[in-house]
C-alpha atoms as a PDB file:
ATOM      1  CA  UNK A   1     113.312  89.480  86.100  1.00  0.00           C
ATOM      2  CA  UNK A   2     115.188  89.200  89.376  1.00  0.00           C
ATOM      3  CA  UNK A   3     113.386  90.255  92.399  1.00  0.00           C
ATOM      4  CA  UNK A   4     114.595  90.876  96.133  1.00  0.00           C
ATOM      5  CA  UNK A   5     114.148  88.172  98.401  1.00  0.00           C
ATOM      6  CA  UNK A   6     111.268  88.450 100.535  1.00  0.00           C
ATOM      7  CA  UNK A   7     111.403  89.070 104.255  1.00  0.00           C
ATOM      8  CA  UNK A   8     107.340  89.453 104.790  1.00  0.00           C
ATOM      9  CA  UNK A   9     107.000  87.689 108.181  1.00  0.00           C
ATOM     10  CA  UNK A  10     105.187  84.233 109.412  1.00  0.00           C
ATOM     11  CA  UNK A  11     102.951  85.092 105.829  1.00  0.00           C
ATOM     12  CA  UNK A  12     101.781  81.346 105.574  1.00  0.00           C
ATOM     13  CA  UNK A  13     101.175  80.826 109.221  1.00  0.00           C
ATOM     14  CA  UNK A  14      99.561  84.085 109.175  1.00  0.00           C
ATOM     15  CA  UNK A  15      96.935  83.232 106.829  1.00  0.00           C
ATOM     16  CA  UNK A  16      96.339  80.442 108.387  1.00  0.00           C
ATOM     17  CA  UNK A  17      95.381  81.996 111.450  1.00  0.00           C
ATOM     18  CA  UNK A  18      92.411  83.737 111.154  1.00  0.00           C
ATOM     19  CA  UNK A  19     112.583  96.062  83.105  1.00  0.00           C
ATOM     20  CA  UNK A  20     115.643  97.007  81.079  1.00  0.00           C
ATOM     21  CA  UNK A  21     117.186 100.572  82.538  1.00  0.00           C
ATOM     22  CA  UNK A  22     118.099 103.244  79.993  1.00  0.00           C
ATOM     23  CA  UNK A  23     120.459 105.384  81.020  1.00  0.00           C
ATOM     24  CA  UNK A  24     120.042 109.057  80.287  1.00  0.00           C
ATOM     25  CA  UNK A  25     123.299 111.087  77.993  1.00  0.00           C
ATOM     26  CA  UNK A  26     125.218 113.480  80.037  1.00  0.00           C
ATOM     27  CA  UNK A  27     124.539 116.685  79.440  1.00  0.00           C
ATOM     28  CA  UNK A  28     127.538 118.986  78.617  1.00  0.00           C
ATOM     29  CA  UNK A  29     127.562 120.701  81.927  1.00  0.00           C
ATOM     30  CA  UNK A  30     126.820 117.840  84.318  1.00  0.00           C
ATOM     31  CA  UNK A  31     130.796 117.912  85.190  1.00  0.00           C
ATOM     32  CA  UNK A  32     130.495 121.304  86.747  1.00  0.00           C
ATOM     33  CA  UNK A  33     127.471 120.445  88.876  1.00  0.00           C
ATOM     34  CA  UNK A  34     128.342 120.334  92.723  1.00  0.00           C
ATOM     35  CA  UNK A  35     128.312 117.426  94.676  1.00  0.00           C
ATOM     36  CA  UNK A  36     125.594 116.545  96.591  1.00  0.00           C
ATOM     37  CA  UNK A  37     125.810 117.777 100.259  1.00  0.00           C
ATOM     38  CA  UNK A  38     127.043 115.278 102.238  1.00  0.00           C
ATOM     39  CA  UNK A  39     124.721 113.370 105.176  1.00  0.00           C
ATOM     40  CA  UNK A  40     126.148 113.330 108.266  1.00  0.00           C
ATOM     41  CA  UNK A  41     126.241 109.834 110.370  1.00  0.00           C
ATOM     42  CA  UNK A  42     127.753 106.635 110.310  1.00  0.00           C
ATOM     43  CA  UNK A  43     129.018 105.029 106.817  1.00  0.00           C
ATOM     44  CA  UNK A  44     126.131 102.625 105.595  1.00  0.00           C
ATOM     45  CA  UNK A  45     129.621 100.512 104.586  1.00  0.00           C
ATOM     46  CA  UNK A  46     130.895 100.265 108.112  1.00  0.00           C
ATOM     47  CA  UNK A  47     127.675  99.049 110.052  1.00  0.00           C
ATOM     48  CA  UNK A  48     127.889  95.025 111.115  1.00  0.00           C
ATOM     49  CA  UNK A  49     126.319  93.196 113.430  1.00  0.00           C
ATOM     50  CA  UNK A  50     128.830  94.111 116.015  1.00  0.00           C
ATOM     51  CA  UNK A  51     128.658  97.259 116.114  1.00  0.00           C
ATOM     52  CA  UNK A  52     125.470  98.956 114.718  1.00  0.00           C
ATOM     53  CA  UNK A  53     123.427  99.184 118.203  1.00  0.00           C
ATOM     54  CA  UNK A  54     126.667 101.677 119.481  1.00  0.00           C
ATOM     55  CA  UNK A  55     126.905 103.564 115.993  1.00  0.00           C
ATOM     56  CA  UNK A  56     123.193 103.652 115.662  1.00  0.00           C
ATOM     57  CA  UNK A  57     122.258 104.764 119.085  1.00  0.00           C
ATOM     58  CA  UNK A  58     124.704 107.394 118.871  1.00  0.00           C
ATOM     59  CA  UNK A  59     123.778 108.603 115.615  1.00  0.00           C
ATOM     60  CA  UNK A  60     120.275 108.557 117.176  1.00  0.00           C
ATOM     61  CA  UNK A  61     121.708 110.924 119.922  1.00  0.00           C
ATOM     62  CA  UNK A  62     123.116 113.047 118.097  1.00  0.00           C
ATOM     63  CA  UNK A  63     120.687 113.335 115.346  1.00  0.00           C
ATOM     64  CA  UNK A  64     116.830 112.841 116.345  1.00  0.00           C
ATOM     65  CA  UNK A  65     113.762 112.684 114.858  1.00  0.00           C
ATOM     66  CA  UNK A  66     109.903 111.438 115.436  1.00  0.00           C
ATOM     67  CA  UNK A  67     108.709 111.986 112.303  1.00  0.00           C
ATOM     68  CA  UNK A  68     108.372 110.752 108.719  1.00  0.00           C
ATOM     69  CA  UNK A  69     106.839 111.631 105.814  1.00  0.00           C
ATOM     70  CA  UNK A  70     106.376 108.453 103.427  1.00  0.00           C
ATOM     71  CA  UNK A  71     105.371 109.464  99.938  1.00  0.00           C
ATOM     72  CA  UNK A  72     103.975 107.085  97.146  1.00  0.00           C
ATOM     73  CA  UNK A  73     101.761 107.836  93.785  1.00  0.00           C
ATOM     74  CA  UNK A  74      99.034 106.675  95.483  1.00  0.00           C
ATOM     75  CA  UNK A  75      99.048 109.154  98.472  1.00  0.00           C
ATOM     76  CA  UNK A  76     101.367 110.214 101.821  1.00  0.00           C
ATOM     77  CA  UNK A  77     101.681 108.520 105.403  1.00  0.00           C
ATOM     78  CA  UNK A  78     103.090 110.115 108.305  1.00  0.00           C
ATOM     79  CA  UNK A  79     104.437 108.246 110.873  1.00  0.00           C
ATOM     80  CA  UNK A  80     105.386 108.965 114.225  1.00  0.00           C
ATOM     81  CA  UNK A  81     108.947 106.549 115.283  1.00  0.00           C
ATOM     82  CA  UNK A  82     108.830 105.550 118.730  1.00  0.00           C
ATOM     83  CA  UNK A  83     111.406 106.755 121.204  1.00  0.00           C
ATOM     84  CA  UNK A  84     111.917 103.973 123.252  1.00  0.00           C
ATOM     85  CA  UNK A  85     112.832 101.403 120.316  1.00  0.00           C
ATOM     86  CA  UNK A  86     116.067 103.836 119.447  1.00  0.00           C
ATOM     87  CA  UNK A  87     117.820 101.474 117.813  1.00  0.00           C
ATOM     88  CA  UNK A  88     115.497 100.781 115.026  1.00  0.00           C
ATOM     89  CA  UNK A  89     114.252 104.258 115.037  1.00  0.00           C
ATOM     90  CA  UNK A  90     117.537 105.470 114.714  1.00  0.00           C
ATOM     91  CA  UNK A  91     118.263 103.304 111.405  1.00  0.00           C
ATOM     92  CA  UNK A  92     115.188 104.234 109.885  1.00  0.00           C
ATOM     93  CA  UNK A  93     115.961 107.961 109.588  1.00  0.00           C
ATOM     94  CA  UNK A  94     119.373 107.604 108.728  1.00  0.00           C
ATOM     95  CA  UNK A  95     118.320 105.464 105.701  1.00  0.00           C
ATOM     96  CA  UNK A  96     115.763 107.823 104.902  1.00  0.00           C
ATOM     97  CA  UNK A  97     118.155 110.967 105.012  1.00  0.00           C
ATOM     98  CA  UNK A  98     120.819 108.863 103.492  1.00  0.00           C
ATOM     99  CA  UNK A  99     117.964 108.209 100.162  1.00  0.00           C
ATOM    100  CA  UNK A 100     118.166 104.622 101.083  1.00  0.00           C
ATOM    101  CA  UNK A 101     114.831 104.264 101.054  1.00  0.00           C
ATOM    102  CA  UNK A 102     114.191 107.071  98.119  1.00  0.00           C
ATOM    103  CA  UNK A 103     115.518 103.945  95.773  1.00  0.00           C
ATOM    104  CA  UNK A 104     112.745 101.719  97.316  1.00  0.00           C
ATOM    105  CA  UNK A 105     109.557 100.344  96.582  1.00  0.00           C
ATOM    106  CA  UNK A 106     106.624  98.329  97.778  1.00  0.00           C
ATOM    107  CA  UNK A 107     107.987  94.806  96.885  1.00  0.00           C
ATOM    108  CA  UNK A 108     105.335  92.606  98.696  1.00  0.00           C
ATOM    109  CA  UNK A 109     101.778  93.449  99.202  1.00  0.00           C
ATOM    110  CA  UNK A 110      99.570  90.961 100.601  1.00  0.00           C
ATOM    111  CA  UNK A 111      95.648  92.365 101.193  1.00  0.00           C
ATOM    112  CA  UNK A 112      94.406  91.741 104.535  1.00  0.00           C
ATOM    113  CA  UNK A 113      97.729  91.238 105.706  1.00  0.00           C
ATOM    114  CA  UNK A 114     100.531  93.593 105.343  1.00  0.00           C
ATOM    115  CA  UNK A 115     102.611  96.052 102.841  1.00  0.00           C
ATOM    116  CA  UNK A 116     106.297  95.276 102.448  1.00  0.00           C
ATOM    117  CA  UNK A 117     108.678  98.092 102.089  1.00  0.00           C
ATOM    118  CA  UNK A 118     112.554  98.896 101.321  1.00  0.00           C
ATOM    119  CA  UNK A 119     113.510  96.740  98.927  1.00  0.00           C
ATOM    120  CA  UNK A 120     114.781  97.488  95.267  1.00  0.00           C
ATOM    121  CA  UNK A 121     116.343  96.456  92.412  1.00  0.00           C
ATOM    122  CA  UNK A 122     118.010  99.633  90.874  1.00  0.00           C
ATOM    123  CA  UNK A 123     119.725 100.765  94.473  1.00  0.00           C
ATOM    124  CA  UNK A 124     123.270 103.022  93.912  1.00  0.00           C
ATOM    125  CA  UNK A 125     123.629 103.642  97.849  1.00  0.00           C
ATOM    126  CA  UNK A 126     126.071 101.154  98.726  1.00  0.00           C
ATOM    127  CA  UNK A 127     125.459  99.530 102.230  1.00  0.00           C
ATOM    128  CA  UNK A 128     126.334  95.979 104.305  1.00  0.00           C
ATOM    129  CA  UNK A 129     123.046  94.173 104.933  1.00  0.00           C
ATOM    130  CA  UNK A 130     123.840  94.242 108.819  1.00  0.00           C
ATOM    131  CA  UNK A 131     121.451  93.729 110.942  1.00  0.00           C
ATOM    132  CA  UNK A 132     119.424  95.456 114.233  1.00  0.00           C
ATOM    133  CA  UNK A 133     119.154  93.871 117.349  1.00  0.00           C
ATOM    134  CA  UNK A 134     115.392  93.229 118.765  1.00  0.00           C
ATOM    135  CA  UNK A 135     113.637  95.908 120.718  1.00  0.00           C
ATOM    136  CA  UNK A 136     110.407  93.917 120.877  1.00  0.00           C
ATOM    137  CA  UNK A 137     108.161  95.803 123.573  1.00  0.00           C
ATOM    138  CA  UNK A 138     104.813  94.714 124.829  1.00  0.00           C
ATOM    139  CA  UNK A 139     103.149  97.851 124.686  1.00  0.00           C
ATOM    140  CA  UNK A 140     103.745  98.099 120.591  1.00  0.00           C
ATOM    141  CA  UNK A 141     101.578  95.529 118.771  1.00  0.00           C
ATOM    142  CA  UNK A 142     100.547  95.058 115.462  1.00  0.00           C
ATOM    143  CA  UNK A 143      97.305  97.078 114.919  1.00  0.00           C
ATOM    144  CA  UNK A 144      96.771  98.375 111.882  1.00  0.00           C
ATOM    145  CA  UNK A 145      98.750 100.675 110.895  1.00  0.00           C
ATOM    146  CA  UNK A 146     102.064  99.518 112.589  1.00  0.00           C
ATOM    147  CA  UNK A 147     105.222 100.356 111.416  1.00  0.00           C
ATOM    148  CA  UNK A 148     107.789  97.408 112.107  1.00  0.00           C
ATOM    149  CA  UNK A 149     110.753  95.582 111.024  1.00  0.00           C
ATOM    150  CA  UNK A 150     111.200  91.984 108.776  1.00  0.00           C
ATOM    151  CA  UNK A 151     113.799  90.020 109.341  1.00  0.00           C
ATOM    152  CA  UNK A 152     114.726  86.150 108.584  1.00  0.00           C
ATOM    153  CA  UNK A 153     112.979  83.467 110.387  1.00  0.00           C
ATOM    154  CA  UNK A 154     113.621  80.244 111.956  1.00  0.00           C
ATOM    155  CA  UNK A 155     117.401  78.986 112.825  1.00  0.00           C
ATOM    156  CA  UNK A 156     119.338  80.988 110.541  1.00  0.00           C
ATOM    157  CA  UNK A 157     118.255  83.875 113.285  1.00  0.00           C
ATOM    158  CA  UNK A 158     117.103  82.271 116.793  1.00  0.00           C
ATOM    159  CA  UNK A 159     117.863  85.949 118.365  1.00  0.00           C
ATOM    160  CA  UNK A 160     115.211  87.477 116.119  1.00  0.00           C
ATOM    161  CA  UNK A 161     117.543  90.357 114.540  1.00  0.00           C
ATOM    162  CA  UNK A 162     115.600  92.743 112.184  1.00  0.00           C
ATOM    163  CA  UNK A 163     116.351  93.110 108.509  1.00  0.00           C
ATOM    164  CA  UNK A 164     117.863  97.210 108.264  1.00  0.00           C
ATOM    165  CA  UNK A 165     115.493  97.874 105.701  1.00  0.00           C
ATOM    166  CA  UNK A 166     112.796  95.736 104.815  1.00  0.00           C
ATOM    167  CA  UNK A 167     110.441  97.389 106.646  1.00  0.00           C
ATOM    168  CA  UNK A 168     106.419  96.630 106.759  1.00  0.00           C
ATOM    169  CA  UNK A 169     103.021  98.413 107.507  1.00  0.00           C
ATOM    170  CA  UNK A 170     100.448  96.534 108.835  1.00  0.00           C
ATOM    171  CA  UNK A 171      96.726  96.211 107.248  1.00  0.00           C
ATOM    172  CA  UNK A 172      95.121  93.429 109.226  1.00  0.00           C
ATOM    173  CA  UNK A 173      91.652  92.729 109.686  1.00  0.00           C
ATOM    174  CA  UNK A 174      89.238  93.321 112.127  1.00  0.00           C
ATOM    175  CA  UNK A 175      88.962  90.592 114.727  1.00  0.00           C
ATOM    176  CA  UNK A 176      86.632  89.286 117.429  1.00  0.00           C
ATOM    177  CA  UNK A 177      88.121  89.195 121.003  1.00  0.00           C
ATOM    178  CA  UNK A 178      88.289  85.442 121.016  1.00  0.00           C
ATOM    179  CA  UNK A 179      89.925  85.617 117.696  1.00  0.00           C
ATOM    180  CA  UNK A 180      92.582  88.216 118.588  1.00  0.00           C
ATOM    181  CA  UNK A 181      93.496  86.283 121.895  1.00  0.00           C
ATOM    182  CA  UNK A 182      93.547  82.829 119.875  1.00  0.00           C
ATOM    183  CA  UNK A 183      96.011  84.322 117.141  1.00  0.00           C
ATOM    184  CA  UNK A 184      98.147  86.377 119.981  1.00  0.00           C
ATOM    185  CA  UNK A 185     101.450  84.487 120.953  1.00  0.00           C
ATOM    186  CA  UNK A 186     101.400  86.739 124.034  1.00  0.00           C
ATOM    187  CA  UNK A 187      98.604  87.848 125.944  1.00  0.00           C
ATOM    188  CA  UNK A 188      96.842  90.833 124.648  1.00  0.00           C
ATOM    189  CA  UNK A 189      95.565  93.593 126.975  1.00  0.00           C
ATOM    190  CA  UNK A 190      91.981  95.075 127.234  1.00  0.00           C
ATOM    191  CA  UNK A 191      93.714  98.014 125.253  1.00  0.00           C
ATOM    192  CA  UNK A 192      94.987  95.490 122.405  1.00  0.00           C
ATOM    193  CA  UNK A 193      91.749  93.704 122.290  1.00  0.00           C
ATOM    194  CA  UNK A 194      89.901  96.758 121.834  1.00  0.00           C
ATOM    195  CA  UNK A 195      91.956  98.005 119.364  1.00  0.00           C
ATOM    196  CA  UNK A 196      92.339  94.791 116.792  1.00  0.00           C
ATOM    197  CA  UNK A 197      88.225  94.809 117.212  1.00  0.00           C
ATOM    198  CA  UNK A 198      88.080  98.280 115.703  1.00  0.00           C
ATOM    199  CA  UNK A 199      91.032  98.859 113.838  1.00  0.00           C
ATOM    200  CA  UNK A 200      92.231  95.874 113.181  1.00  0.00           C
ATOM    201  CA  UNK A 201      95.679  93.956 112.961  1.00  0.00           C
ATOM    202  CA  UNK A 202      97.715  91.033 112.722  1.00  0.00           C
ATOM    203  CA  UNK A 203      97.906  89.813 116.405  1.00  0.00           C
ATOM    204  CA  UNK A 204     100.094  86.691 115.436  1.00  0.00           C
ATOM    205  CA  UNK A 205     103.071  88.450 114.657  1.00  0.00           C
ATOM    206  CA  UNK A 206     103.095  90.485 118.159  1.00  0.00           C
ATOM    207  CA  UNK A 207     106.530  89.243 120.045  1.00  0.00           C
ATOM    208  CA  UNK A 208     107.824  88.114 117.287  1.00  0.00           C
ATOM    209  CA  UNK A 209     108.887  91.309 115.662  1.00  0.00           C
ATOM    210  CA  UNK A 210     110.092  95.329 116.272  1.00  0.00           C
ATOM    211  CA  UNK A 211     107.041  97.643 115.971  1.00  0.00           C
ATOM    212  CA  UNK A 212     108.971 100.417 116.006  1.00  0.00           C
ATOM    213  CA  UNK A 213     106.517 103.418 114.975  1.00  0.00           C
ATOM    214  CA  UNK A 214     102.788 103.691 113.697  1.00  0.00           C
ATOM    215  CA  UNK A 215     100.846 105.651 110.741  1.00  0.00           C
ATOM    216  CA  UNK A 216      99.456 108.646 112.536  1.00  0.00           C
ATOM    217  CA  UNK A 217      97.959 110.220 108.969  1.00  0.00           C
ATOM    218  CA  UNK A 218      97.108 108.308 105.776  1.00  0.00           C
ATOM    219  CA  UNK A 219      96.023 105.001 107.297  1.00  0.00           C
ATOM    220  CA  UNK A 220      93.735 104.836 103.814  1.00  0.00           C
ATOM    221  CA  UNK A 221      96.811 104.745 101.566  1.00  0.00           C
ATOM    222  CA  UNK A 222      97.671 101.543 102.942  1.00  0.00           C
ATOM    223  CA  UNK A 223      94.438 100.022 101.633  1.00  0.00           C
ATOM    224  CA  UNK A 224      94.928 101.486  97.901  1.00  0.00           C
ATOM    225  CA  UNK A 225      98.430  99.985  98.508  1.00  0.00           C
ATOM    226  CA  UNK A 226      97.358  96.891  99.380  1.00  0.00           C
ATOM    227  CA  UNK A 227      94.339  96.999  96.545  1.00  0.00           C
ATOM    228  CA  UNK A 228      97.394  97.284  93.768  1.00  0.00           C
ATOM    229  CA  UNK A 229      97.247  94.260  91.580  1.00  0.00           C
ATOM    230  CA  UNK A 230      99.959  91.907  92.383  1.00  0.00           C
ATOM    231  CA  UNK A 231     101.945  89.109  90.647  1.00  0.00           C
ATOM    232  CA  UNK A 232     102.338  85.462  91.795  1.00  0.00           C
ATOM    233  CA  UNK A 233     105.603  87.140  94.125  1.00  0.00           C
ATOM    234  CA  UNK A 234     103.254  89.582  95.481  1.00  0.00           C
ATOM    235  CA  UNK A 235     105.564  92.479  93.560  1.00  0.00           C
ATOM    236  CA  UNK A 236     102.408  95.042  92.353  1.00  0.00           C
ATOM    237  CA  UNK A 237     102.594  95.062  88.883  1.00  0.00           C
ATOM    238  CA  UNK A 238     103.016  98.592  88.609  1.00  0.00           C
ATOM    239  CA  UNK A 239     105.528  99.570  90.824  1.00  0.00           C
ATOM    240  CA  UNK A 240     104.835 101.784  94.027  1.00  0.00           C
ATOM    241  CA  UNK A 241     107.567 103.682  94.583  1.00  0.00           C
ATOM    242  CA  UNK A 242     108.578 104.778  97.957  1.00  0.00           C
ATOM    243  CA  UNK A 243     109.811 108.721  98.949  1.00  0.00           C
ATOM    244  CA  UNK A 244     110.851 109.150 102.847  1.00  0.00           C
ATOM    245  CA  UNK A 245     111.028 112.718 104.487  1.00  0.00           C
ATOM    246  CA  UNK A 246     111.709 113.103 107.620  1.00  0.00           C
ATOM    247  CA  UNK A 247     109.650 115.814 108.976  1.00  0.00           C
ATOM    248  CA  UNK A 248     111.148 116.272 112.684  1.00  0.00           C
END
């Protein structure tokens, strides 16, 4: 079985640091069913590295959103999206409303680190592999429950451009102040040090990836997903499908 390429950020460094488908027959009246309503926003096939920021910013202003509900068979997470990461937030809202995430699963799960979603082997929504400019803010960090976008690493992506659909949610582990400061590639505020001590997280990723939201309800679902048995590729043995609904 072909698996989607993994984007899980800096996995090795972070760890060192501390089916055939069967189509259903058409019904007799399937041709009479009305087409699904068209979702406003940019054509996903028209988005590219060169225009994504401009088109997504305009979309975000016209169709704003602050919260989404991420639903799985193991439970739901309510996620608040940040206002000061407008490109990433607008992109996540657009893909949620277009149904892109509804065809995806959590495709890479590393217990004690993060759960990565957005990957799919059965995507029907046509879209290009555009990338997003980084919106890395010092006040947003990789505490437990942080929502961030994955990306290609190394020389192929010196600008730290984010993937458009591969996101991850931090599980992490609690750390002493000394451990957190030693792991982080940038200075931590006292509040961030305290969060890593009381909530946990992965400070080794701070400043490297765009954090654009956080789980505000359902943190325990992260642990349930992280506890799922996985194969050698870290893909859960039993798929954990995703549905995302924009709440407001």
